[in-house]
């Protein structure tokens, strides 16, 4: 099983760009790109919490468990 990050979907629904989110949340612009590309191996709960707050969502809106291909 793998975890799929749906940050790009949530950002599109909220009509928010990566730069906007980075400024609002206080993270680097690279972080949303890395998360959506799947190139990160982990994320802090604190970071996840502020991203969820900025997008007015829950962790389950951003993360999805998927079967390995």
Protein backbone atom coordinates (compact mmCIF):
# COMPACT_ATOMS: atom_id res chain seq x y z
CA UNK A 1 0.00 0.00 0.00
CA UNK A 2 1.19 3.50 -0.74
CA UNK A 3 0.03 6.98 0.25
CA UNK A 4 -1.00 9.35 -2.53
CA UNK A 5 -0.90 13.09 -1.85
CA UNK A 6 -3.90 14.93 -3.32
CA UNK A 7 -2.66 18.42 -2.45
CA UNK A 8 -2.88 19.54 -6.07
CA UNK A 9 -6.56 18.57 -6.20
CA UNK A 10 -7.36 20.49 -3.01
CA UNK A 11 -5.43 23.53 -4.20
CA UNK A 12 -7.29 23.49 -7.53
CA UNK A 13 -10.65 23.27 -5.74
CA UNK A 14 -9.69 26.29 -3.64
CA UNK A 15 -8.21 28.07 -6.69
CA UNK A 16 -4.92 28.46 -4.86
CA UNK A 17 -1.45 28.38 -6.36
CA UNK A 18 1.64 26.88 -4.75
CA UNK A 19 3.23 30.28 -4.19
CA UNK A 20 0.07 31.59 -2.54
CA UNK A 21 -0.15 28.60 -0.28
CA UNK A 22 3.52 28.76 0.64
CA UNK A 23 3.18 32.40 1.69
CA UNK A 24 -0.02 31.80 3.64
CA UNK A 25 1.27 28.69 5.40
CA UNK A 26 4.86 29.79 5.93
CA UNK A 27 6.55 27.00 3.94
CA UNK A 28 8.89 27.16 0.98
CA UNK A 29 7.43 27.24 -2.53
CA UNK A 30 9.18 23.97 -3.23
CA UNK A 31 7.30 22.07 -0.51
CA UNK A 32 3.89 21.92 -2.28
CA UNK A 33 5.64 20.85 -5.51
CA UNK A 34 7.55 18.09 -3.76
CA UNK A 35 4.44 16.88 -1.94
CA UNK A 36 2.33 16.69 -5.09
CA UNK A 37 5.09 14.98 -7.05
CA UNK A 38 5.43 12.27 -4.42
CA UNK A 39 9.14 12.91 -3.93
CA UNK A 40 8.93 13.25 -0.17
CA UNK A 41 9.09 10.33 2.22
CA UNK A 42 7.36 12.06 5.11
CA UNK A 43 5.63 15.20 6.30
CA UNK A 44 5.43 16.66 9.78
CA UNK A 45 2.03 16.71 11.41
CA UNK A 46 2.57 20.41 12.13
CA UNK A 47 3.09 21.13 8.42
CA UNK A 48 0.11 18.98 7.48
CA UNK A 49 -2.03 20.85 10.03
CA UNK A 50 -1.18 24.31 8.68
CA UNK A 51 -1.73 23.17 5.08
CA UNK A 52 -5.14 21.77 6.06
CA UNK A 53 -6.01 25.01 7.86
CA UNK A 54 -5.04 27.11 4.83
CA UNK A 55 -7.14 24.92 2.54
CA UNK A 56 -10.00 24.59 5.02
CA UNK A 57 -9.77 20.82 4.88
CA UNK A 58 -8.85 17.67 6.76
CA UNK A 59 -5.81 15.38 6.39
CA UNK A 60 -8.07 12.82 4.70
CA UNK A 61 -8.76 15.39 1.97
CA UNK A 62 -5.04 15.53 1.18
CA UNK A 63 -3.89 11.95 1.70
CA UNK A 64 -5.26 8.74 0.20
CA UNK A 65 -4.18 5.14 0.63
CA UNK A 66 -3.81 3.31 -2.68
CA UNK A 67 -2.95 -0.26 -3.57
CA UNK A 68 0.52 -0.90 -4.94
CA UNK A 69 0.52 -1.41 -8.67
